[in-house]
N, C-alpha and C. Protein backbone atom coordinates (compact mmCIF):
# COMPACT_ATOMS: atom_id res chain seq x y z
N MET A 1 -186.71 -44.85 80.99
CA MET A 1 -186.12 -44.51 79.95
C MET A 1 -186.39 -43.25 78.90
N ARG A 2 -185.42 -42.42 78.79
CA ARG A 2 -185.64 -41.22 78.45
C ARG A 2 -185.50 -41.19 76.76
N PHE A 3 -186.34 -40.54 75.78
CA PHE A 3 -186.14 -40.53 74.74
C PHE A 3 -185.72 -38.92 74.11
N PRO A 4 -184.77 -38.98 73.18
CA PRO A 4 -184.27 -37.69 72.70
C PRO A 4 -185.39 -36.83 71.96
N ASN A 5 -185.37 -35.71 71.62
CA ASN A 5 -186.53 -34.74 70.81
C ASN A 5 -185.65 -34.34 69.89
N PRO A 6 -185.57 -35.07 68.80
CA PRO A 6 -184.73 -34.61 67.92
C PRO A 6 -185.33 -33.49 67.03
N SER A 7 -184.55 -32.92 66.29
CA SER A 7 -184.89 -31.66 65.57
C SER A 7 -184.59 -32.26 64.02
N LEU A 8 -185.78 -32.78 63.27
CA LEU A 8 -185.83 -33.30 61.97
C LEU A 8 -184.55 -32.34 61.10
N PHE A 9 -184.99 -31.37 61.22
CA PHE A 9 -184.17 -30.17 60.10
C PHE A 9 -182.67 -30.70 60.34
N GLU A 10 -182.23 -30.88 61.66
CA GLU A 10 -181.00 -31.07 61.72
C GLU A 10 -180.42 -32.52 61.49
N TYR A 11 -181.17 -33.56 61.66
CA TYR A 11 -180.88 -34.73 61.18
C TYR A 11 -180.61 -34.57 59.68
N ALA A 12 -181.72 -34.04 58.76
CA ALA A 12 -181.66 -34.03 57.65
C ALA A 12 -180.70 -33.19 57.13
N LEU A 13 -180.15 -32.20 57.80
CA LEU A 13 -178.88 -31.57 57.43
C LEU A 13 -177.64 -32.55 57.53
N ASN A 14 -177.27 -33.06 58.75
CA ASN A 14 -176.24 -34.02 59.10
C ASN A 14 -176.21 -35.22 57.94
N THR A 15 -177.41 -35.54 57.62
CA THR A 15 -177.68 -36.82 56.68
C THR A 15 -176.78 -36.19 55.26
N ALA A 16 -177.41 -35.14 54.90
CA ALA A 16 -176.97 -34.53 53.49
C ALA A 16 -175.53 -34.22 53.66
N VAL A 17 -174.83 -33.67 54.87
CA VAL A 17 -173.44 -33.49 54.55
C VAL A 17 -172.65 -34.63 54.50
N VAL A 18 -173.23 -35.91 55.46
CA VAL A 18 -172.22 -37.04 55.09
C VAL A 18 -172.50 -37.87 53.75
N VAL A 19 -173.62 -37.80 53.49
CA VAL A 19 -173.88 -38.19 52.12
C VAL A 19 -172.92 -37.46 50.96
N LEU A 20 -173.12 -36.05 51.12
CA LEU A 20 -172.48 -35.69 49.91
C LEU A 20 -170.70 -35.74 50.20
N THR A 21 -170.42 -35.66 51.62
CA THR A 21 -169.15 -36.06 51.64
C THR A 21 -168.40 -37.21 51.10
N LEU A 22 -169.46 -38.18 51.34
CA LEU A 22 -168.99 -39.66 50.86
C LEU A 22 -168.89 -39.60 49.53
N ALA A 23 -169.94 -38.76 48.73
CA ALA A 23 -169.85 -38.78 47.33
C ALA A 23 -168.88 -38.11 46.95
N VAL A 24 -168.44 -37.20 47.19
CA VAL A 24 -166.96 -36.46 46.78
C VAL A 24 -166.17 -37.39 47.12
N LEU A 25 -165.73 -38.25 48.08
CA LEU A 25 -164.68 -38.91 48.39
C LEU A 25 -164.85 -40.30 47.45
N GLN A 26 -165.94 -40.47 46.92
CA GLN A 26 -166.17 -41.57 46.00
C GLN A 26 -165.54 -40.99 44.81
N TYR A 27 -165.87 -40.06 44.22
CA TYR A 27 -165.71 -39.29 43.08
C TYR A 27 -164.36 -38.98 42.80
N THR A 28 -163.65 -38.70 43.65
CA THR A 28 -162.19 -38.48 43.67
C THR A 28 -161.49 -39.55 43.50
N GLY A 29 -162.16 -40.73 44.29
CA GLY A 29 -161.16 -41.90 44.51
C GLY A 29 -160.07 -42.12 45.92
N TRP A 30 -160.54 -41.20 46.74
CA TRP A 30 -159.87 -40.96 48.06
C TRP A 30 -159.80 -42.27 48.88
N LEU A 31 -161.02 -42.81 48.80
CA LEU A 31 -161.57 -43.89 49.81
C LEU A 31 -161.65 -45.32 48.95
N TRP A 32 -162.05 -45.10 47.57
CA TRP A 32 -162.23 -46.33 46.72
C TRP A 32 -161.02 -46.47 45.78
N ALA A 33 -160.77 -47.51 45.50
CA ALA A 33 -159.58 -47.87 44.53
C ALA A 33 -160.07 -47.53 42.94
N ASP A 34 -161.33 -47.36 42.82
CA ASP A 34 -161.95 -47.14 41.49
C ASP A 34 -162.72 -45.95 41.45
N PRO A 35 -161.87 -44.73 40.86
CA PRO A 35 -162.46 -43.18 40.68
C PRO A 35 -163.46 -42.98 39.73
N ALA A 36 -163.83 -44.15 39.04
CA ALA A 36 -164.66 -43.86 37.61
C ALA A 36 -166.05 -43.35 38.01
N GLY A 37 -166.56 -43.24 39.30
CA GLY A 37 -167.67 -42.71 39.55
C GLY A 37 -168.56 -43.07 40.81
N LEU A 38 -169.82 -42.50 41.05
CA LEU A 38 -170.18 -42.83 42.40
C LEU A 38 -171.05 -44.19 42.17
N ASP A 39 -171.09 -44.65 43.41
CA ASP A 39 -172.10 -45.80 43.87
C ASP A 39 -173.44 -45.41 44.47
N PRO A 40 -174.49 -45.10 43.38
CA PRO A 40 -175.77 -44.69 44.03
C PRO A 40 -176.25 -45.57 45.34
N ALA A 41 -176.27 -47.00 45.15
CA ALA A 41 -176.60 -47.61 45.91
C ALA A 41 -176.31 -47.54 47.29
N PHE A 42 -174.96 -47.24 47.25
CA PHE A 42 -174.12 -47.30 48.67
C PHE A 42 -174.48 -46.03 49.25
N LEU A 43 -174.70 -45.02 48.43
CA LEU A 43 -175.02 -43.32 49.06
C LEU A 43 -176.61 -43.61 49.38
N VAL A 44 -177.48 -44.24 48.92
CA VAL A 44 -178.65 -44.30 49.22
C VAL A 44 -178.98 -45.27 50.69
N ALA A 45 -178.00 -46.17 50.82
CA ALA A 45 -178.10 -47.02 52.01
C ALA A 45 -177.42 -46.06 53.23
N VAL A 46 -176.46 -45.34 52.83
CA VAL A 46 -175.91 -44.25 54.03
C VAL A 46 -176.90 -43.49 54.31
N GLY A 47 -177.55 -42.70 53.35
CA GLY A 47 -178.48 -41.95 53.32
C GLY A 47 -179.78 -42.52 54.63
N VAL A 48 -180.14 -43.85 54.29
CA VAL A 48 -181.23 -44.46 55.26
C VAL A 48 -180.52 -44.72 56.65
N THR A 49 -179.55 -45.37 56.58
CA THR A 49 -179.18 -45.90 57.57
C THR A 49 -178.47 -44.83 58.57
N PHE A 50 -178.22 -43.63 58.33
CA PHE A 50 -177.29 -42.83 58.78
C PHE A 50 -178.41 -42.15 59.93
N PRO A 51 -179.61 -41.73 59.58
CA PRO A 51 -180.28 -41.29 60.63
C PRO A 51 -180.99 -42.08 61.75
N ALA A 52 -180.94 -43.32 61.39
CA ALA A 52 -181.32 -44.51 62.36
C ALA A 52 -180.21 -44.83 63.13
N PHE A 53 -179.09 -45.01 62.90
CA PHE A 53 -177.83 -45.08 63.79
C PHE A 53 -177.57 -43.72 64.64
N SER A 54 -177.93 -42.57 64.13
CA SER A 54 -177.29 -41.46 65.00
C SER A 54 -178.59 -40.91 65.91
N TYR A 55 -180.05 -41.27 65.59
CA TYR A 55 -180.84 -41.79 66.64
C TYR A 55 -180.69 -42.56 67.85
N LEU A 56 -180.04 -43.69 67.40
CA LEU A 56 -179.75 -44.90 68.33
C LEU A 56 -178.66 -44.33 69.14
N ILE A 57 -177.60 -43.53 68.94
CA ILE A 57 -176.58 -43.00 69.72
C ILE A 57 -177.08 -42.09 70.67
N ALA A 58 -178.08 -40.97 70.02
CA ALA A 58 -178.57 -40.03 70.80
C ALA A 58 -179.57 -40.68 72.03
N LEU A 59 -179.98 -41.59 71.77
CA LEU A 59 -181.13 -42.38 72.77
C LEU A 59 -180.05 -42.98 73.79
N VAL A 60 -179.12 -43.74 73.29
CA VAL A 60 -177.96 -44.05 74.38
C VAL A 60 -177.36 -43.05 75.16
N GLY A 61 -177.11 -41.99 74.68
CA GLY A 61 -176.56 -40.89 75.28
C GLY A 61 -177.54 -40.26 76.23
N ALA A 62 -178.85 -40.02 75.84
CA ALA A 62 -179.65 -39.24 76.84
C ALA A 62 -180.05 -40.28 77.90
N ASN A 63 -180.03 -41.81 77.85
CA ASN A 63 -180.25 -42.42 79.04
C ASN A 63 -178.69 -42.53 79.70
N VAL A 64 -177.58 -42.61 79.09
CA VAL A 64 -176.51 -42.64 80.21
C VAL A 64 -176.51 -41.19 80.82
N ARG A 65 -176.61 -40.14 80.54
CA ARG A 65 -176.73 -39.10 81.06
C ARG A 65 -178.17 -38.97 82.31
N SER A 66 -179.05 -39.58 81.95
CA SER A 66 -179.97 -39.49 82.95
C SER A 66 -179.88 -40.21 84.11
N ASN A 67 -179.16 -41.41 83.82
CA ASN A 67 -178.78 -42.26 84.78
C ASN A 67 -177.45 -41.80 86.11
N ALA A 68 -176.76 -40.74 85.52
CA ALA A 68 -175.84 -40.44 86.30
C ALA A 68 -176.21 -39.32 87.06
N GLU A 69 -177.48 -38.83 86.81
CA GLU A 69 -178.03 -37.62 87.66
C GLU A 69 -178.51 -38.00 88.85
């Protein structure tokens, strides 16, 4: 089993981009029916879970590619 070598800066940057994009979409009301404000609990949950799921996807990708060789 191969483990990916993640760049922590890249994970932090990707997480920030995703959370900021969702915050803008929440604030403008494009994805939510109530554009009254932001839901900080949702944004924190995304900020915590996004790096974990990104790493799991990278782990699967590293092992699929290694088995193909």
